């Protein structure tokens, strides 16, 4: 088959411009000038006979034609990369993974040595990115198509969200449970934490990153189900993310409400305790997100299988 297409470089330029929604940032990535990027896009638009971007004064915006074209272009470039990867058996393989910060720090990294031991020829790079947590105000737009759930440098992503990522292979990994957790010292101090009502004598630690998602479990819903009504949930310490929240709990600064799956090593080591059995399921889950082209890469398949084994062993 004879392909009558523009130069491959125009598609690479288009893909970079979409990811950044900036000709300047795309130019930095490709080591060319913004004018060169703009010229490449104009050539592509001229060839297609349609506008791909709305050039607003302060930002770029994709047109409907640009939105419709992007997933196929990105997938096509991924297929090119996959084809090249299959011929490079003599080189050390690499894998770039992006994940939410708390999951990367508390779940993935402590287990990563086992992957490296099983696959010593793989150079793995982990990127921690809050963009891998779904925006609750933009879920419908994400579901429509076009926002790449991976970072710009990754083959795969671990994403905390709804699982609505069209065009990609999506596999649910974990649906976390939220539990109350504290330092062992708080269970045997001057005001021992023995029943939920005792929380009124303790400082509550709030992870404010969960509060932006409607219906996500929080202190208010947990206390209501526990039958406690005389605890002031407005008081206490507030942190912008789960990592800071967990560090405060480990330091004995109060009682936190966190994802159980992120603290299992601390529970096993006795650094933290779950004083009450009541837990609440998350409305978000962790998903493995892979482009269709990347699913053919042996290193991606190995990582996917390793994740399944880790989760299976944990659940067993």
C-alpha atoms as a PDB file:
ATOM      1  CA  UNK A   1       0.000   0.000   0.000  1.00  0.00           C
ATOM      2  CA  UNK A   2       1.240   3.456  -0.902  1.00  0.00           C
ATOM      3  CA  UNK A   3       0.632   5.950   1.900  1.00  0.00           C
ATOM      4  CA  UNK A   4       0.102   9.531   0.800  1.00  0.00           C
ATOM      5  CA  UNK A   5       0.715  11.343   4.055  1.00  0.00           C
ATOM      6  CA  UNK A   6       2.458  14.467   5.297  1.00  0.00           C
ATOM      7  CA  UNK A   7       5.928  14.094   6.777  1.00  0.00           C
ATOM      8  CA  UNK A   8       6.058  12.133  10.030  1.00  0.00           C
ATOM      9  CA  UNK A   9       7.572  15.176  11.736  1.00  0.00           C
ATOM     10  CA  UNK A  10       4.309  17.099  11.319  1.00  0.00           C
ATOM     11  CA  UNK A  11       2.440  14.427  13.254  1.00  0.00           C
ATOM     12  CA  UNK A  12       5.071  14.430  16.003  1.00  0.00           C
ATOM     13  CA  UNK A  13       4.763  18.203  16.215  1.00  0.00           C
ATOM     14  CA  UNK A  14       0.976  18.029  16.327  1.00  0.00           C
ATOM     15  CA  UNK A  15       1.040  15.413  19.089  1.00  0.00           C
ATOM     16  CA  UNK A  16       3.440  17.463  21.216  1.00  0.00           C
ATOM     17  CA  UNK A  17       1.412  20.649  20.700  1.00  0.00           C
ATOM     18  CA  UNK A  18      -1.766  18.864  21.823  1.00  0.00           C
ATOM     19  CA  UNK A  19      -0.161  17.495  24.974  1.00  0.00           C
ATOM     20  CA  UNK A  20       1.183  20.875  26.000  1.00  0.00           C
ATOM     21  CA  UNK A  21      -1.502  23.047  24.381  1.00  0.00           C
ATOM     22  CA  UNK A  22       1.432  25.348  23.722  1.00  0.00           C
ATOM     23  CA  UNK A  23       3.616  25.824  20.660  1.00  0.00           C
ATOM     24  CA  UNK A  24       6.393  27.149  22.900  1.00  0.00           C
ATOM     25  CA  UNK A  25       6.460  24.083  25.181  1.00  0.00           C
ATOM     26  CA  UNK A  26       6.221  21.764  22.188  1.00  0.00           C
ATOM     27  CA  UNK A  27       9.171  23.592  20.643  1.00  0.00           C
ATOM     28  CA  UNK A  28      11.213  23.182  23.848  1.00  0.00           C
ATOM     29  CA  UNK A  29      10.545  19.449  23.839  1.00  0.00           C
ATOM     30  CA  UNK A  30      11.497  19.058  20.188  1.00  0.00           C
ATOM     31  CA  UNK A  31      14.479  21.422  20.358  1.00  0.00           C
ATOM     32  CA  UNK A  32      13.153  23.762  17.674  1.00  0.00           C
ATOM     33  CA  UNK A  33      11.731  27.284  17.693  1.00  0.00           C
ATOM     34  CA  UNK A  34       8.056  28.083  18.353  1.00  0.00           C
ATOM     35  CA  UNK A  35       7.920  29.539  14.857  1.00  0.00           C
ATOM     36  CA  UNK A  36       9.010  26.177  13.442  1.00  0.00           C
ATOM     37  CA  UNK A  37       6.257  24.416  15.380  1.00  0.00           C
ATOM     38  CA  UNK A  38       3.695  26.945  14.185  1.00  0.00           C
ATOM     39  CA  UNK A  39       4.836  26.456  10.592  1.00  0.00           C
ATOM     40  CA  UNK A  40       4.580  22.661  10.869  1.00  0.00           C
ATOM     41  CA  UNK A  41       1.041  22.919  12.217  1.00  0.00           C
ATOM     42  CA  UNK A  42       0.063  25.317   9.419  1.00  0.00           C
ATOM     43  CA  UNK A  43       1.423  22.852   6.856  1.00  0.00           C
ATOM     44  CA  UNK A  44      -0.613  20.047   8.398  1.00  0.00           C
ATOM     45  CA  UNK A  45      -3.754  22.197   8.524  1.00  0.00           C
ATOM     46  CA  UNK A  46      -3.210  23.202   4.891  1.00  0.00           C
ATOM     47  CA  UNK A  47      -2.846  19.571   3.838  1.00  0.00           C
ATOM     48  CA  UNK A  48      -6.007  18.558   5.721  1.00  0.00           C
ATOM     49  CA  UNK A  49      -8.009  21.623   4.770  1.00  0.00           C
ATOM     50  CA  UNK A  50      -9.186  22.183   8.343  1.00  0.00           C
ATOM     51  CA  UNK A  51      -8.055  24.114  11.409  1.00  0.00           C
ATOM     52  CA  UNK A  52      -6.668  21.945  14.188  1.00  0.00           C
ATOM     53  CA  UNK A  53      -6.210  24.646  16.836  1.00  0.00           C
ATOM     54  CA  UNK A  54      -8.029  27.763  17.942  1.00  0.00           C
ATOM     55  CA  UNK A  55      -5.254  30.270  18.558  1.00  0.00           C
ATOM     56  CA  UNK A  56      -6.597  32.290  21.487  1.00  0.00           C
ATOM     57  CA  UNK A  57      -4.581  35.216  22.894  1.00  0.00           C
ATOM     58  CA  UNK A  58      -3.445  33.363  26.015  1.00  0.00           C
ATOM     59  CA  UNK A  59      -3.851  29.688  25.137  1.00  0.00           C
ATOM     60  CA  UNK A  60      -4.330  27.109  22.423  1.00  0.00           C
ATOM     61  CA  UNK A  61      -7.532  25.135  22.151  1.00  0.00           C
ATOM     62  CA  UNK A  62      -8.198  22.112  19.965  1.00  0.00           C
ATOM     63  CA  UNK A  63     -10.939  22.349  17.374  1.00  0.00           C
ATOM     64  CA  UNK A  64     -13.394  19.472  16.940  1.00  0.00           C
ATOM     65  CA  UNK A  65     -11.302  18.221  14.002  1.00  0.00           C
ATOM     66  CA  UNK A  66      -8.165  18.370  16.129  1.00  0.00           C
ATOM     67  CA  UNK A  67      -9.904  16.511  18.960  1.00  0.00           C
ATOM     68  CA  UNK A  68     -11.112  13.830  16.575  1.00  0.00           C
ATOM     69  CA  UNK A  69      -7.660  13.301  15.054  1.00  0.00           C
ATOM     70  CA  UNK A  70      -5.493  13.277  18.188  1.00  0.00           C
ATOM     71  CA  UNK A  71      -6.210   9.766  19.605  1.00  0.00           C
ATOM     72  CA  UNK A  72      -5.400   8.101  16.282  1.00  0.00           C
ATOM     73  CA  UNK A  73      -2.213  10.127  15.809  1.00  0.00           C
ATOM     74  CA  UNK A  74      -1.050   9.336  19.347  1.00  0.00           C
ATOM     75  CA  UNK A  75      -1.869   5.667  18.885  1.00  0.00           C
ATOM     76  CA  UNK A  76      -0.067   5.639  15.528  1.00  0.00           C
ATOM     77  CA  UNK A  77       3.088   7.099  17.043  1.00  0.00           C
ATOM     78  CA  UNK A  78       2.861   4.519  19.826  1.00  0.00           C
ATOM     79  CA  UNK A  79       2.727   1.793  17.177  1.00  0.00           C
ATOM     80  CA  UNK A  80       5.855   3.220  15.551  1.00  0.00           C
ATOM     81  CA  UNK A  81       7.600   3.127  18.928  1.00  0.00           C
ATOM     82  CA  UNK A  82       6.413  -0.414  19.586  1.00  0.00           C
ATOM     83  CA  UNK A  83       7.717  -1.538  16.194  1.00  0.00           C
ATOM     84  CA  UNK A  84      11.130  -0.069  16.943  1.00  0.00           C
ATOM     85  CA  UNK A  85      11.167  -1.629  20.418  1.00  0.00           C
ATOM     86  CA  UNK A  86      10.672  -5.133  19.014  1.00  0.00           C
ATOM     87  CA  UNK A  87      13.904  -4.839  16.998  1.00  0.00           C
ATOM     88  CA  UNK A  88      16.078  -3.647  19.873  1.00  0.00           C
ATOM     89  CA  UNK A  89      16.579  -6.903  21.750  1.00  0.00           C
ATOM     90  CA  UNK A  90      20.290  -6.170  22.120  1.00  0.00           C
ATOM     91  CA  UNK A  91      19.628  -3.024  24.120  1.00  0.00           C
ATOM     92  CA  UNK A  92      18.576  -2.781  27.724  1.00  0.00           C
ATOM     93  CA  UNK A  93      14.837  -2.298  27.889  1.00  0.00           C
ATOM     94  CA  UNK A  94      13.265   0.681  29.618  1.00  0.00           C
ATOM     95  CA  UNK A  95       9.850   1.342  31.136  1.00  0.00           C
ATOM     96  CA  UNK A  96       8.418   4.673  32.240  1.00  0.00           C
ATOM     97  CA  UNK A  97       5.521   4.570  34.674  1.00  0.00           C
ATOM     98  CA  UNK A  98       3.560   7.492  36.060  1.00  0.00           C
ATOM     99  CA  UNK A  99       1.402   7.198  39.178  1.00  0.00           C
ATOM    100  CA  UNK A 100      -0.321   9.281  41.859  1.00  0.00           C
ATOM    101  CA  UNK A 101       2.183  10.463  44.503  1.00  0.00           C
ATOM    102  CA  UNK A 102       0.755   8.625  47.521  1.00  0.00           C
ATOM    103  CA  UNK A 103       0.341   5.360  45.630  1.00  0.00           C
ATOM    104  CA  UNK A 104       3.865   5.614  44.221  1.00  0.00           C
ATOM    105  CA  UNK A 105       5.453   6.310  47.621  1.00  0.00           C
ATOM    106  CA  UNK A 106       3.376   4.051  49.854  1.00  0.00           C
ATOM    107  CA  UNK A 107       2.477   1.074  47.618  1.00  0.00           C
ATOM    108  CA  UNK A 108       4.512   0.859  44.426  1.00  0.00           C
ATOM    109  CA  UNK A 109       8.048   1.768  45.486  1.00  0.00           C
ATOM    110  CA  UNK A 110       8.204  -0.607  48.508  1.00  0.00           C
ATOM    111  CA  UNK A 111       7.425  -3.492  46.132  1.00  0.00           C
ATOM    112  CA  UNK A 112       9.524  -2.373  43.174  1.00  0.00           C
ATOM    113  CA  UNK A 113      12.655  -4.267  44.201  1.00  0.00           C
ATOM    114  CA  UNK A 114      10.842  -7.514  43.430  1.00  0.00           C
ATOM    115  CA  UNK A 115      10.144  -6.363  39.863  1.00  0.00           C
ATOM    116  CA  UNK A 116      13.768  -5.321  39.421  1.00  0.00           C
ATOM    117  CA  UNK A 117      14.983  -8.664  40.754  1.00  0.00           C
ATOM    118  CA  UNK A 118      12.740 -10.543  38.331  1.00  0.00           C
ATOM    119  CA  UNK A 119      13.645  -8.278  35.391  1.00  0.00           C
ATOM    120  CA  UNK A 120      17.210  -7.027  35.952  1.00  0.00           C
ATOM    121  CA  UNK A 121      17.537  -5.950  32.314  1.00  0.00           C
ATOM    122  CA  UNK A 122      14.739  -3.379  32.599  1.00  0.00           C
ATOM    123  CA  UNK A 123      15.542   0.247  33.345  1.00  0.00           C
ATOM    124  CA  UNK A 124      12.454   1.512  35.149  1.00  0.00           C
ATOM    125  CA  UNK A 125      11.579   5.148  35.789  1.00  0.00           C
ATOM    126  CA  UNK A 126       8.741   6.191  38.085  1.00  0.00           C
ATOM    127  CA  UNK A 127       7.146   9.617  37.731  1.00  0.00           C
ATOM    128  CA  UNK A 128       4.858  10.811  40.516  1.00  0.00           C
ATOM    129  CA  UNK A 129       2.184  13.078  39.106  1.00  0.00           C
ATOM    130  CA  UNK A 130      -1.060  14.444  40.586  1.00  0.00           C
ATOM    131  CA  UNK A 131      -2.399  14.579  37.033  1.00  0.00           C
ATOM    132  CA  UNK A 132      -2.947  10.836  37.470  1.00  0.00           C
ATOM    133  CA  UNK A 133      -5.827  11.579  39.830  1.00  0.00           C
ATOM    134  CA  UNK A 134      -9.101  12.234  38.019  1.00  0.00           C
ATOM    135  CA  UNK A 135     -10.439  15.755  38.120  1.00  0.00           C
ATOM    136  CA  UNK A 136     -13.978  15.328  39.522  1.00  0.00           C
ATOM    137  CA  UNK A 137     -15.184  18.361  37.564  1.00  0.00           C
ATOM    138  CA  UNK A 138     -13.842  17.016  34.279  1.00  0.00           C
ATOM    139  CA  UNK A 139     -14.657  13.308  34.329  1.00  0.00           C
ATOM    140  CA  UNK A 140     -17.204  13.542  31.523  1.00  0.00           C
ATOM    141  CA  UNK A 141     -14.751  15.382  29.299  1.00  0.00           C
ATOM    142  CA  UNK A 142     -12.094  12.777  30.047  1.00  0.00           C
ATOM    143  CA  UNK A 143     -14.545  10.035  29.204  1.00  0.00           C
ATOM    144  CA  UNK A 144     -15.292  11.593  25.845  1.00  0.00           C
ATOM    145  CA  UNK A 145     -11.830  10.777  24.625  1.00  0.00           C
ATOM    146  CA  UNK A 146      -9.042  12.832  24.467  1.00  0.00           C
ATOM    147  CA  UNK A 147      -7.112  13.574  27.553  1.00  0.00           C
ATOM    148  CA  UNK A 148      -4.177  11.214  27.611  1.00  0.00           C
ATOM    149  CA  UNK A 149      -4.246   9.571  31.051  1.00  0.00           C
ATOM    150  CA  UNK A 150      -0.506   8.961  30.877  1.00  0.00           C
ATOM    151  CA  UNK A 151       2.197  11.498  31.405  1.00  0.00           C
ATOM    152  CA  UNK A 152       4.100  12.689  28.371  1.00  0.00           C
ATOM    153  CA  UNK A 153       7.040  10.427  29.176  1.00  0.00           C
ATOM    154  CA  UNK A 154       5.369   7.183  30.188  1.00  0.00           C
ATOM    155  CA  UNK A 155       4.383   3.976  28.472  1.00  0.00           C
ATOM    156  CA  UNK A 156       1.862   3.180  31.207  1.00  0.00           C
ATOM    157  CA  UNK A 157       0.013   4.971  33.944  1.00  0.00           C
ATOM    158  CA  UNK A 158      -1.475   3.973  37.256  1.00  0.00           C
ATOM    159  CA  UNK A 159      -4.428   6.278  37.638  1.00  0.00           C
ATOM    160  CA  UNK A 160      -6.767   6.948  40.568  1.00  0.00           C
ATOM    161  CA  UNK A 161     -10.207   7.626  39.190  1.00  0.00           C
ATOM    162  CA  UNK A 162     -13.241   6.330  37.336  1.00  0.00           C
ATOM    163  CA  UNK A 163     -11.695   4.008  34.767  1.00  0.00           C
ATOM    164  CA  UNK A 164     -13.270   5.927  31.873  1.00  0.00           C
ATOM    165  CA  UNK A 165     -10.301   6.216  29.516  1.00  0.00           C
ATOM    166  CA  UNK A 166     -11.417   5.444  25.937  1.00  0.00           C
ATOM    167  CA  UNK A 167      -8.871   4.276  23.372  1.00  0.00           C
ATOM    168  CA  UNK A 168      -6.686   2.772  26.125  1.00  0.00           C
ATOM    169  CA  UNK A 169      -6.496  -0.680  27.650  1.00  0.00           C
ATOM    170  CA  UNK A 170      -7.745  -0.265  31.217  1.00  0.00           C
ATOM    171  CA  UNK A 171      -7.408  -2.774  34.064  1.00  0.00           C
ATOM    172  CA  UNK A 172      -8.675  -2.212  37.589  1.00  0.00           C
ATOM    173  CA  UNK A 173      -5.995  -2.863  40.188  1.00  0.00           C
ATOM    174  CA  UNK A 174      -7.312  -1.889  43.636  1.00  0.00           C
ATOM    175  CA  UNK A 175     -10.381  -0.246  45.104  1.00  0.00           C
ATOM    176  CA  UNK A 176      -9.090   1.111  48.412  1.00  0.00           C
ATOM    177  CA  UNK A 177     -10.914   1.261  51.733  1.00  0.00           C
ATOM    178  CA  UNK A 178     -10.737   4.284  54.027  1.00  0.00           C
ATOM    179  CA  UNK A 179     -10.049   3.619  57.713  1.00  0.00           C
ATOM    180  CA  UNK A 180      -9.272   5.507  60.890  1.00  0.00           C
ATOM    181  CA  UNK A 181      -5.619   5.171  61.833  1.00  0.00           C
ATOM    182  CA  UNK A 182      -3.315   6.428  64.582  1.00  0.00           C
ATOM    183  CA  UNK A 183      -0.049   5.934  66.378  1.00  0.00           C
ATOM    184  CA  UNK A 184      -0.112   3.126  69.004  1.00  0.00           C
ATOM    185  CA  UNK A 185       0.661   5.741  71.679  1.00  0.00           C
ATOM    186  CA  UNK A 186      -2.780   7.310  71.238  1.00  0.00           C
ATOM    187  CA  UNK A 187      -4.483   4.076  72.236  1.00  0.00           C
ATOM    188  CA  UNK A 188      -2.806   3.966  75.631  1.00  0.00           C
ATOM    189  CA  UNK A 189      -2.215   7.589  76.624  1.00  0.00           C
ATOM    190  CA  UNK A 190      -4.031   9.907  79.031  1.00  0.00           C
ATOM    191  CA  UNK A 191      -7.116   9.771  76.804  1.00  0.00           C
ATOM    192  CA  UNK A 192      -7.014   6.219  75.411  1.00  0.00           C
ATOM    193  CA  UNK A 193      -8.729   5.733  72.066  1.00  0.00           C
ATOM    194  CA  UNK A 194     -10.946   2.737  72.766  1.00  0.00           C
ATOM    195  CA  UNK A 195     -14.279   3.562  71.122  1.00  0.00           C
ATOM    196  CA  UNK A 196     -15.366   6.047  68.426  1.00  0.00           C
ATOM    197  CA  UNK A 197     -16.765   8.476  71.032  1.00  0.00           C
ATOM    198  CA  UNK A 198     -13.218   8.914  72.363  1.00  0.00           C
ATOM    199  CA  UNK A 199     -12.303  10.793  69.181  1.00  0.00           C
ATOM    200  CA  UNK A 200     -13.678  13.971  70.758  1.00  0.00           C
ATOM    201  CA  UNK A 201     -10.545  14.020  72.954  1.00  0.00           C
ATOM    202  CA  UNK A 202      -8.156  13.742  69.987  1.00  0.00           C
ATOM    203  CA  UNK A 203      -6.925  15.875  67.122  1.00  0.00           C
ATOM    204  CA  UNK A 204      -8.407  14.864  63.782  1.00  0.00           C
ATOM    205  CA  UNK A 205      -6.091  14.888  60.762  1.00  0.00           C
ATOM    206  CA  UNK A 206      -7.751  15.795  57.450  1.00  0.00           C
ATOM    207  CA  UNK A 207      -6.536  14.919  53.953  1.00  0.00           C
ATOM    208  CA  UNK A 208      -8.027  17.775  51.951  1.00  0.00           C
ATOM    209  CA  UNK A 209      -7.246  16.131  48.610  1.00  0.00           C
ATOM    210  CA  UNK A 210     -10.225  13.798  49.126  1.00  0.00           C
ATOM    211  CA  UNK A 211     -12.654  16.586  49.966  1.00  0.00           C
ATOM    212  CA  UNK A 212     -12.803  17.906  46.392  1.00  0.00           C
ATOM    213  CA  UNK A 213     -14.419  14.666  45.180  1.00  0.00           C
ATOM    214  CA  UNK A 214     -18.105  14.466  45.982  1.00  0.00           C
ATOM    215  CA  UNK A 215     -19.168  11.245  47.749  1.00  0.00           C
ATOM    216  CA  UNK A 216     -15.565  10.357  48.600  1.00  0.00           C
ATOM    217  CA  UNK A 217     -15.485   8.948  52.155  1.00  0.00           C
ATOM    218  CA  UNK A 218     -14.433  11.490  54.785  1.00  0.00           C
ATOM    219  CA  UNK A 219     -14.494  12.081  58.515  1.00  0.00           C
ATOM    220  CA  UNK A 220     -18.101  13.273  58.435  1.00  0.00           C
ATOM    221  CA  UNK A 221     -19.454  10.149  56.727  1.00  0.00           C
ATOM    222  CA  UNK A 222     -17.369   7.823  58.910  1.00  0.00           C
ATOM    223  CA  UNK A 223     -18.487   9.433  62.174  1.00  0.00           C
ATOM    224  CA  UNK A 224     -22.114   9.336  61.086  1.00  0.00           C
ATOM    225  CA  UNK A 225     -21.932   5.608  60.358  1.00  0.00           C
ATOM    226  CA  UNK A 226     -20.096   5.068  63.643  1.00  0.00           C
ATOM    227  CA  UNK A 227     -22.998   6.738  65.481  1.00  0.00           C
ATOM    228  CA  UNK A 228     -20.880   9.611  66.814  1.00  0.00           C
ATOM    229  CA  UNK A 229     -22.389  13.092  66.798  1.00  0.00           C
ATOM    230  CA  UNK A 230     -20.404  15.104  69.360  1.00  0.00           C
ATOM    231  CA  UNK A 231     -17.056  15.354  67.536  1.00  0.00           C
ATOM    232  CA  UNK A 232     -16.214  18.706  65.995  1.00  0.00           C
ATOM    233  CA  UNK A 233     -14.983  17.786  62.522  1.00  0.00           C
ATOM    234  CA  UNK A 234     -13.961  21.367  61.757  1.00  0.00           C
ATOM    235  CA  UNK A 235     -11.053  21.244  64.198  1.00  0.00           C
ATOM    236  CA  UNK A 236      -7.745  19.488  63.723  1.00  0.00           C
ATOM    237  CA  UNK A 237      -4.861  19.486  61.274  1.00  0.00           C
ATOM    238  CA  UNK A 238      -5.376  19.819  57.515  1.00  0.00           C
ATOM    239  CA  UNK A 239      -2.990  18.696  54.800  1.00  0.00           C
ATOM    240  CA  UNK A 240      -3.113  19.032  51.037  1.00  0.00           C
ATOM    241  CA  UNK A 241      -2.289  15.404  50.236  1.00  0.00           C
ATOM    242  CA  UNK A 242      -2.246  11.876  51.601  1.00  0.00           C
ATOM    243  CA  UNK A 243       1.537  11.710  52.065  1.00  0.00           C
ATOM    244  CA  UNK A 244       1.572  14.633  54.509  1.00  0.00           C
ATOM    245  CA  UNK A 245      -1.497  13.228  56.274  1.00  0.00           C
ATOM    246  CA  UNK A 246       0.208   9.882  56.837  1.00  0.00           C
ATOM    247  CA  UNK A 247       3.423  11.474  58.068  1.00  0.00           C
ATOM    248  CA  UNK A 248       1.449  13.440  60.669  1.00  0.00           C
ATOM    249  CA  UNK A 249      -0.277  10.252  61.836  1.00  0.00           C
ATOM    250  CA  UNK A 250       3.040   8.391  62.047  1.00  0.00           C
ATOM    251  CA  UNK A 251       4.411  11.255  64.142  1.00  0.00           C
ATOM    252  CA  UNK A 252       1.545  10.827  66.613  1.00  0.00           C
ATOM    253  CA  UNK A 253       0.069  14.257  65.916  1.00  0.00           C
ATOM    254  CA  UNK A 254      -3.499  12.997  65.732  1.00  0.00           C
ATOM    255  CA  UNK A 255      -5.923  10.506  64.228  1.00  0.00           C
ATOM    256  CA  UNK A 256      -6.153  10.292  60.438  1.00  0.00           C
ATOM    257  CA  UNK A 257      -8.680   8.980  57.932  1.00  0.00           C
ATOM    258  CA  UNK A 258      -6.720   7.335  55.121  1.00  0.00           C
ATOM    259  CA  UNK A 259      -6.604   4.589  52.507  1.00  0.00           C
ATOM    260  CA  UNK A 260      -5.931   1.285  54.217  1.00  0.00           C
ATOM    261  CA  UNK A 261      -3.922  -0.098  51.292  1.00  0.00           C
ATOM    262  CA  UNK A 262      -1.346   2.678  51.695  1.00  0.00           C
ATOM    263  CA  UNK A 263      -0.527   1.898  55.324  1.00  0.00           C
ATOM    264  CA  UNK A 264      -0.341  -1.898  55.428  1.00  0.00           C
ATOM    265  CA  UNK A 265       3.439  -1.938  55.907  1.00  0.00           C
ATOM    266  CA  UNK A 266       3.102   0.485  58.836  1.00  0.00           C
ATOM    267  CA  UNK A 267       0.365  -1.671  60.388  1.00  0.00           C
ATOM    268  CA  UNK A 268       2.495  -4.801  60.016  1.00  0.00           C
ATOM    269  CA  UNK A 269       5.489  -3.046  61.585  1.00  0.00           C
ATOM    270  CA  UNK A 270       3.416  -1.683  64.487  1.00  0.00           C
ATOM    271  CA  UNK A 271       3.993   1.950  63.560  1.00  0.00           C
ATOM    272  CA  UNK A 272       0.268   2.540  63.098  1.00  0.00           C
ATOM    273  CA  UNK A 273      -2.930   0.966  64.405  1.00  0.00           C
ATOM    274  CA  UNK A 274      -6.460   0.768  63.042  1.00  0.00           C
ATOM    275  CA  UNK A 275      -8.436   1.194  66.286  1.00  0.00           C
ATOM    276  CA  UNK A 276     -11.908   0.563  64.804  1.00  0.00           C
ATOM    277  CA  UNK A 277     -13.125  -2.063  62.348  1.00  0.00           C
ATOM    278  CA  UNK A 278     -15.429   0.271  60.411  1.00  0.00           C
ATOM    279  CA  UNK A 279     -14.116   1.032  56.919  1.00  0.00           C
ATOM    280  CA  UNK A 280     -15.624   2.817  53.910  1.00  0.00           C
ATOM    281  CA  UNK A 281     -14.952   1.926  50.254  1.00  0.00           C
ATOM    282  CA  UNK A 282     -13.588   4.555  47.890  1.00  0.00           C
ATOM    283  CA  UNK A 283     -15.641   5.696  44.907  1.00  0.00           C
ATOM    284  CA  UNK A 284     -12.380   5.859  42.932  1.00  0.00           C
ATOM    285  CA  UNK A 285     -10.139   2.889  42.126  1.00  0.00           C
ATOM    286  CA  UNK A 286      -6.563   2.514  40.936  1.00  0.00           C
ATOM    287  CA  UNK A 287      -6.371   1.526  37.264  1.00  0.00           C
ATOM    288  CA  UNK A 288      -3.545   0.455  35.019  1.00  0.00           C
ATOM    289  CA  UNK A 289      -3.856   2.467  31.786  1.00  0.00           C
ATOM    290  CA  UNK A 290      -1.923   1.431  28.656  1.00  0.00           C
ATOM    291  CA  UNK A 291      -2.138   2.569  25.058  1.00  0.00           C
ATOM    292  CA  UNK A 292      -3.155  -0.148  22.602  1.00  0.00           C
ATOM    293  CA  UNK A 293       0.262  -0.017  20.947  1.00  0.00           C
ATOM    294  CA  UNK A 294       2.137  -0.327  24.238  1.00  0.00           C
ATOM    295  CA  UNK A 295       0.242  -3.513  25.132  1.00  0.00           C
ATOM    296  CA  UNK A 296       2.447  -5.306  22.589  1.00  0.00           C
ATOM    297  CA  UNK A 297       5.698  -4.325  24.292  1.00  0.00           C
ATOM    298  CA  UNK A 298       7.248  -7.185  26.238  1.00  0.00           C
ATOM    299  CA  UNK A 299       8.391  -4.923  29.060  1.00  0.00           C
ATOM    300  CA  UNK A 300       4.871  -3.545  29.493  1.00  0.00           C
ATOM    301  CA  UNK A 301       3.428  -7.051  29.551  1.00  0.00           C
ATOM    302  CA  UNK A 302       5.981  -8.035  32.178  1.00  0.00           C
ATOM    303  CA  UNK A 303       5.081  -5.058  34.372  1.00  0.00           C
ATOM    304  CA  UNK A 304       1.368  -5.745  33.976  1.00  0.00           C
ATOM    305  CA  UNK A 305       1.823  -9.386  34.976  1.00  0.00           C
ATOM    306  CA  UNK A 306       3.988  -8.402  37.935  1.00  0.00           C
ATOM    307  CA  UNK A 307       1.300  -6.003  39.207  1.00  0.00           C
ATOM    308  CA  UNK A 308      -1.301  -8.756  38.977  1.00  0.00           C
ATOM    309  CA  UNK A 309       0.938 -11.080  40.991  1.00  0.00           C
ATOM    310  CA  UNK A 310       1.583  -8.465  43.669  1.00  0.00           C
ATOM    311  CA  UNK A 311      -2.099  -7.703  44.044  1.00  0.00           C
ATOM    312  CA  UNK A 312      -3.003 -11.391  43.999  1.00  0.00           C
ATOM    313  CA  UNK A 313      -0.498 -12.212  46.721  1.00  0.00           C
ATOM    314  CA  UNK A 314      -1.738  -9.344  48.823  1.00  0.00           C
ATOM    315  CA  UNK A 315      -5.397 -10.324  48.471  1.00  0.00           C
ATOM    316  CA  UNK A 316      -4.573 -13.961  49.208  1.00  0.00           C
END
